[in-house]
Amino acid sequence: RNAPAAAFLRALPWNYDATYVRDAEIARHLTVVREKDGSFYIGAITGDAAHVTSLTLDFLAPGRDYALESLADDPDSTDIRRGDVLRIEMAAAGGFCGVIK
């Protein structure tokens, strides 16, 4: 059991205020950002090939600092702002998830 992953997934909301598809190619990869009460939830998956995507954080409010918590092999927390670019590298049949608060 991966306790950090389980806790991360349990904290996800069931309903969202908005959903944005930011990068997609059928049967290859998908990156989605979902918004709920001022927090943003990022989910990305790949198909049979590895994929790198750059997610511009232009949906964040200007002049405010945010923290990104991501779930990967080594969970990480990073300070970010509007306009920053998040580089997401995924292995074949891999993925990424993160929360911006």
N, C-alpha and C. Protein backbone atom coordinates (compact mmCIF):
# COMPACT_ATOMS: atom_id res chain seq x y z
N ARG A 1 0.82 -1.20 0.00
CA ARG A 1 0.00 0.00 0.00
C ARG A 1 0.86 1.25 0.00
N ASN A 2 0.46 2.21 -0.80
CA ASN A 2 1.17 3.49 -0.86
C ASN A 2 0.37 4.50 -0.05
N ALA A 3 0.69 4.67 1.22
CA ALA A 3 -0.08 5.55 2.11
C ALA A 3 -0.14 7.00 1.63
N PRO A 4 0.97 7.61 1.14
CA PRO A 4 0.85 8.98 0.64
C PRO A 4 -0.12 9.09 -0.54
N ALA A 5 -0.10 8.11 -1.44
CA ALA A 5 -1.01 8.14 -2.58
C ALA A 5 -2.45 7.99 -2.13
N ALA A 6 -2.70 7.10 -1.19
CA ALA A 6 -4.06 6.89 -0.70
C ALA A 6 -4.59 8.15 -0.03
N ALA A 7 -3.79 8.80 0.79
CA ALA A 7 -4.23 10.04 1.46
C ALA A 7 -4.47 11.14 0.44
N PHE A 8 -3.60 11.23 -0.57
CA PHE A 8 -3.75 12.23 -1.62
C PHE A 8 -5.07 12.04 -2.36
N LEU A 9 -5.35 10.82 -2.75
CA LEU A 9 -6.57 10.52 -3.52
C LEU A 9 -7.83 10.69 -2.68
N ARG A 10 -7.78 10.36 -1.40
CA ARG A 10 -8.95 10.54 -0.53
C ARG A 10 -9.32 12.02 -0.38
N ALA A 11 -8.34 12.91 -0.50
CA ALA A 11 -8.57 14.34 -0.32
C ALA A 11 -9.15 15.02 -1.56
N LEU A 12 -9.23 14.31 -2.68
CA LEU A 12 -9.77 14.91 -3.91
C LEU A 12 -11.28 15.13 -3.80
N PRO A 13 -11.77 16.28 -4.28
CA PRO A 13 -13.22 16.50 -4.26
C PRO A 13 -13.93 15.61 -5.29
N TRP A 14 -15.21 15.42 -5.08
CA TRP A 14 -16.03 14.64 -6.02
C TRP A 14 -16.58 15.51 -7.14
N ASN A 15 -16.89 16.75 -6.82
CA ASN A 15 -17.46 17.69 -7.79
C ASN A 15 -16.51 18.87 -7.96
N TYR A 16 -16.51 19.45 -9.16
CA TYR A 16 -15.62 20.57 -9.47
C TYR A 16 -16.42 21.72 -10.03
N ASP A 17 -15.86 22.95 -9.92
CA ASP A 17 -16.50 24.15 -10.45
C ASP A 17 -16.24 24.29 -11.95
N ALA A 18 -15.07 23.83 -12.41
CA ALA A 18 -14.71 23.96 -13.83
C ALA A 18 -13.68 22.90 -14.18
N THR A 19 -13.67 22.52 -15.47
CA THR A 19 -12.70 21.56 -15.98
C THR A 19 -12.11 22.11 -17.27
N TYR A 20 -10.77 22.05 -17.39
CA TYR A 20 -10.07 22.56 -18.56
C TYR A 20 -9.17 21.46 -19.11
N VAL A 21 -9.34 21.11 -20.38
CA VAL A 21 -8.43 20.18 -21.04
C VAL A 21 -7.30 21.04 -21.61
N ARG A 22 -6.07 20.81 -21.15
CA ARG A 22 -4.95 21.67 -21.53
C ARG A 22 -4.04 21.06 -22.57
N ASP A 23 -4.01 19.75 -22.69
CA ASP A 23 -3.16 19.08 -23.68
C ASP A 23 -3.75 17.69 -23.90
N ALA A 24 -4.04 17.36 -25.14
CA ALA A 24 -4.64 16.04 -25.39
C ALA A 24 -4.40 15.60 -26.83
N GLU A 25 -4.17 14.32 -26.96
CA GLU A 25 -4.13 13.66 -28.26
C GLU A 25 -4.72 12.28 -28.05
N ILE A 26 -5.80 11.98 -28.78
CA ILE A 26 -6.54 10.74 -28.58
C ILE A 26 -5.60 9.53 -28.60
N ALA A 27 -5.75 8.69 -27.58
CA ALA A 27 -5.00 7.44 -27.40
C ALA A 27 -3.51 7.66 -27.11
N ARG A 28 -3.08 8.90 -26.88
CA ARG A 28 -1.67 9.17 -26.62
C ARG A 28 -1.44 9.82 -25.26
N HIS A 29 -2.13 10.93 -24.98
CA HIS A 29 -1.93 11.62 -23.69
C HIS A 29 -3.07 12.59 -23.42
N LEU A 30 -3.21 12.95 -22.13
CA LEU A 30 -4.26 13.88 -21.71
C LEU A 30 -3.79 14.62 -20.46
N THR A 31 -3.96 15.93 -20.45
CA THR A 31 -3.69 16.75 -19.26
C THR A 31 -4.93 17.59 -19.00
N VAL A 32 -5.46 17.47 -17.78
CA VAL A 32 -6.69 18.15 -17.38
C VAL A 32 -6.42 18.95 -16.10
N VAL A 33 -6.99 20.14 -16.04
CA VAL A 33 -6.97 20.95 -14.81
C VAL A 33 -8.41 21.13 -14.37
N ARG A 34 -8.68 20.83 -13.10
CA ARG A 34 -10.03 21.00 -12.56
C ARG A 34 -9.95 21.96 -11.39
N GLU A 35 -10.95 22.83 -11.29
CA GLU A 35 -10.96 23.87 -10.25
C GLU A 35 -12.08 23.61 -9.25
N LYS A 36 -11.78 23.81 -7.97
CA LYS A 36 -12.79 23.69 -6.91
C LYS A 36 -12.41 24.65 -5.79
N ASP A 37 -13.28 25.63 -5.55
CA ASP A 37 -13.11 26.57 -4.43
C ASP A 37 -11.73 27.21 -4.39
N GLY A 38 -11.21 27.62 -5.54
CA GLY A 38 -9.93 28.32 -5.60
C GLY A 38 -8.71 27.42 -5.62
N SER A 39 -8.89 26.12 -5.54
CA SER A 39 -7.78 25.17 -5.67
C SER A 39 -7.87 24.52 -7.05
N PHE A 40 -6.73 24.10 -7.57
CA PHE A 40 -6.67 23.52 -8.90
C PHE A 40 -6.06 22.13 -8.82
N TYR A 41 -6.67 21.18 -9.49
CA TYR A 41 -6.28 19.78 -9.46
C TYR A 41 -5.82 19.38 -10.86
N ILE A 42 -4.59 18.93 -10.97
CA ILE A 42 -4.00 18.59 -12.26
C ILE A 42 -3.89 17.07 -12.37
N GLY A 43 -4.37 16.55 -13.47
CA GLY A 43 -4.23 15.13 -13.75
C GLY A 43 -3.71 14.95 -15.16
N ALA A 44 -2.75 14.07 -15.34
CA ALA A 44 -2.20 13.81 -16.66
C ALA A 44 -1.90 12.32 -16.79
N ILE A 45 -2.16 11.77 -17.97
CA ILE A 45 -1.88 10.35 -18.23
C ILE A 45 -1.31 10.21 -19.64
N THR A 46 -0.59 9.10 -19.83
CA THR A 46 -0.03 8.80 -21.15
C THR A 46 -0.50 7.42 -21.60
N GLY A 47 -0.34 7.19 -22.87
CA GLY A 47 -0.63 5.87 -23.44
C GLY A 47 0.65 5.05 -23.50
N ASP A 48 0.92 4.48 -24.66
CA ASP A 48 2.05 3.57 -24.81
C ASP A 48 3.41 4.25 -24.91
N ALA A 49 3.42 5.56 -25.11
CA ALA A 49 4.69 6.27 -25.27
C ALA A 49 4.86 7.31 -24.17
N ALA A 50 6.10 7.56 -23.80
CA ALA A 50 6.40 8.62 -22.84
C ALA A 50 5.97 9.97 -23.44
N HIS A 51 5.69 10.93 -22.58
CA HIS A 51 5.27 12.25 -23.05
C HIS A 51 5.72 13.32 -22.07
N VAL A 52 6.10 14.46 -22.62
CA VAL A 52 6.44 15.64 -21.82
C VAL A 52 5.49 16.75 -22.23
N THR A 53 4.88 17.39 -21.26
CA THR A 53 4.01 18.51 -21.55
C THR A 53 4.43 19.70 -20.71
N SER A 54 4.19 20.89 -21.22
CA SER A 54 4.45 22.12 -20.49
C SER A 54 3.11 22.78 -20.21
N LEU A 55 2.79 22.92 -18.94
CA LEU A 55 1.51 23.49 -18.53
C LEU A 55 1.74 24.92 -18.04
N THR A 56 1.28 25.90 -18.81
CA THR A 56 1.39 27.30 -18.41
C THR A 56 0.32 27.59 -17.37
N LEU A 57 0.73 28.13 -16.25
CA LEU A 57 -0.20 28.36 -15.14
C LEU A 57 -0.86 29.73 -15.25
N ASP A 58 -1.43 30.00 -16.43
CA ASP A 58 -2.08 31.28 -16.69
C ASP A 58 -3.48 31.35 -16.09
N PHE A 59 -3.97 30.26 -15.54
CA PHE A 59 -5.30 30.24 -14.93
C PHE A 59 -5.26 30.66 -13.46
N LEU A 60 -4.07 30.84 -12.89
CA LEU A 60 -3.95 31.28 -11.49
C LEU A 60 -4.19 32.78 -11.40
N ALA A 61 -4.66 33.23 -10.24
CA ALA A 61 -4.90 34.66 -10.03
C ALA A 61 -3.56 35.41 -9.97
N PRO A 62 -3.50 36.61 -10.57
CA PRO A 62 -2.25 37.37 -10.53
C PRO A 62 -1.95 37.90 -9.12
N GLY A 63 -0.65 38.03 -8.84
CA GLY A 63 -0.22 38.63 -7.58
C GLY A 63 -0.37 37.76 -6.35
N ARG A 64 -0.67 36.51 -6.53
CA ARG A 64 -0.85 35.60 -5.40
C ARG A 64 0.15 34.45 -5.49
N ASP A 65 0.67 34.04 -4.35
CA ASP A 65 1.55 32.89 -4.29
C ASP A 65 0.74 31.63 -4.04
N TYR A 66 1.12 30.56 -4.71
CA TYR A 66 0.46 29.27 -4.57
C TYR A 66 1.51 28.21 -4.23
N ALA A 67 1.05 27.09 -3.74
CA ALA A 67 1.91 25.93 -3.53
C ALA A 67 1.38 24.77 -4.36
N LEU A 68 2.28 24.11 -5.07
CA LEU A 68 1.93 22.91 -5.84
C LEU A 68 2.42 21.70 -5.06
N GLU A 69 1.51 20.80 -4.77
CA GLU A 69 1.87 19.51 -4.18
C GLU A 69 1.64 18.46 -5.25
N SER A 70 2.68 17.72 -5.57
CA SER A 70 2.54 16.72 -6.63
C SER A 70 2.78 15.33 -6.08
N LEU A 71 2.14 14.39 -6.72
CA LEU A 71 2.29 12.99 -6.35
C LEU A 71 3.05 12.30 -7.47
N ALA A 72 4.22 11.83 -7.14
CA ALA A 72 5.07 11.14 -8.10
C ALA A 72 5.89 10.13 -7.30
N ASP A 73 6.96 9.65 -7.89
CA ASP A 73 7.81 8.72 -7.15
C ASP A 73 8.30 9.35 -5.85
N ASP A 74 8.64 10.63 -5.91
CA ASP A 74 9.04 11.39 -4.73
C ASP A 74 8.09 12.58 -4.62
N PRO A 75 7.09 12.53 -3.73
CA PRO A 75 6.17 13.65 -3.60
C PRO A 75 6.94 14.94 -3.35
N ASP A 76 6.43 16.04 -3.91
CA ASP A 76 7.15 17.30 -3.88
C ASP A 76 6.19 18.44 -3.62
N SER A 77 6.69 19.53 -3.07
CA SER A 77 5.93 20.76 -2.90
C SER A 77 6.77 21.90 -3.44
N THR A 78 6.17 22.74 -4.29
CA THR A 78 6.88 23.82 -4.95
C THR A 78 6.05 25.08 -4.90
N ASP A 79 6.69 26.22 -4.66
CA ASP A 79 5.99 27.51 -4.72
C ASP A 79 5.89 27.94 -6.18
N ILE A 80 4.69 28.42 -6.57
CA ILE A 80 4.46 28.81 -7.96
C ILE A 80 3.62 30.07 -8.00
N ARG A 81 3.57 30.69 -9.19
CA ARG A 81 2.78 31.90 -9.43
C ARG A 81 2.15 31.83 -10.81
N ARG A 82 1.20 32.73 -11.05
CA ARG A 82 0.58 32.85 -12.37
C ARG A 82 1.67 33.06 -13.42
N GLY A 83 1.55 32.36 -14.54
CA GLY A 83 2.49 32.51 -15.64
C GLY A 83 3.66 31.54 -15.60
N ASP A 84 3.93 30.93 -14.44
CA ASP A 84 4.97 29.91 -14.39
C ASP A 84 4.60 28.77 -15.34
N VAL A 85 5.59 28.03 -15.78
CA VAL A 85 5.36 26.88 -16.65
C VAL A 85 5.78 25.63 -15.90
N LEU A 86 4.86 24.71 -15.78
CA LEU A 86 5.11 23.44 -15.10
C LEU A 86 5.45 22.40 -16.16
N ARG A 87 6.65 21.87 -16.09
CA ARG A 87 7.08 20.82 -17.03
C ARG A 87 6.73 19.47 -16.41
N ILE A 88 5.90 18.70 -17.11
CA ILE A 88 5.45 17.40 -16.61
C ILE A 88 6.02 16.32 -17.52
N GLU A 89 6.88 15.48 -16.95
CA GLU A 89 7.48 14.37 -17.69
C GLU A 89 6.84 13.07 -17.24
N MET A 90 6.33 12.31 -18.19
CA MET A 90 5.64 11.06 -17.86
C MET A 90 6.23 9.91 -18.68
N ALA A 91 6.40 8.79 -18.02
CA ALA A 91 6.87 7.58 -18.69
C ALA A 91 5.73 6.98 -19.50
N ALA A 92 6.04 6.03 -20.34
CA ALA A 92 5.00 5.31 -21.07
C ALA A 92 4.04 4.68 -20.05
N ALA A 93 2.76 4.78 -20.33
CA ALA A 93 1.70 4.29 -19.42
C ALA A 93 1.83 4.90 -18.04
N GLY A 94 2.31 6.15 -17.99
CA GLY A 94 2.51 6.83 -16.71
C GLY A 94 1.52 7.96 -16.51
N GLY A 95 1.82 8.77 -15.52
CA GLY A 95 0.92 9.87 -15.24
C GLY A 95 1.49 10.81 -14.19
N PHE A 96 0.68 11.81 -13.87
CA PHE A 96 1.05 12.86 -12.91
C PHE A 96 -0.23 13.35 -12.27
N CYS A 97 -0.17 13.70 -11.00
CA CYS A 97 -1.27 14.42 -10.40
C CYS A 97 -0.71 15.43 -9.40
N GLY A 98 -1.38 16.55 -9.31
CA GLY A 98 -0.94 17.61 -8.42
C GLY A 98 -2.10 18.47 -8.00
N VAL A 99 -1.91 19.18 -6.89
CA VAL A 99 -2.89 20.11 -6.37
C VAL A 99 -2.21 21.45 -6.16
N ILE A 100 -2.85 22.51 -6.66
CA ILE A 100 -2.35 23.86 -6.46
C ILE A 100 -3.30 24.55 -5.50
N LYS A 101 -2.75 25.01 -4.38
CA LYS A 101 -3.55 25.74 -3.39
C LYS A 101 -2.89 27.06 -3.05
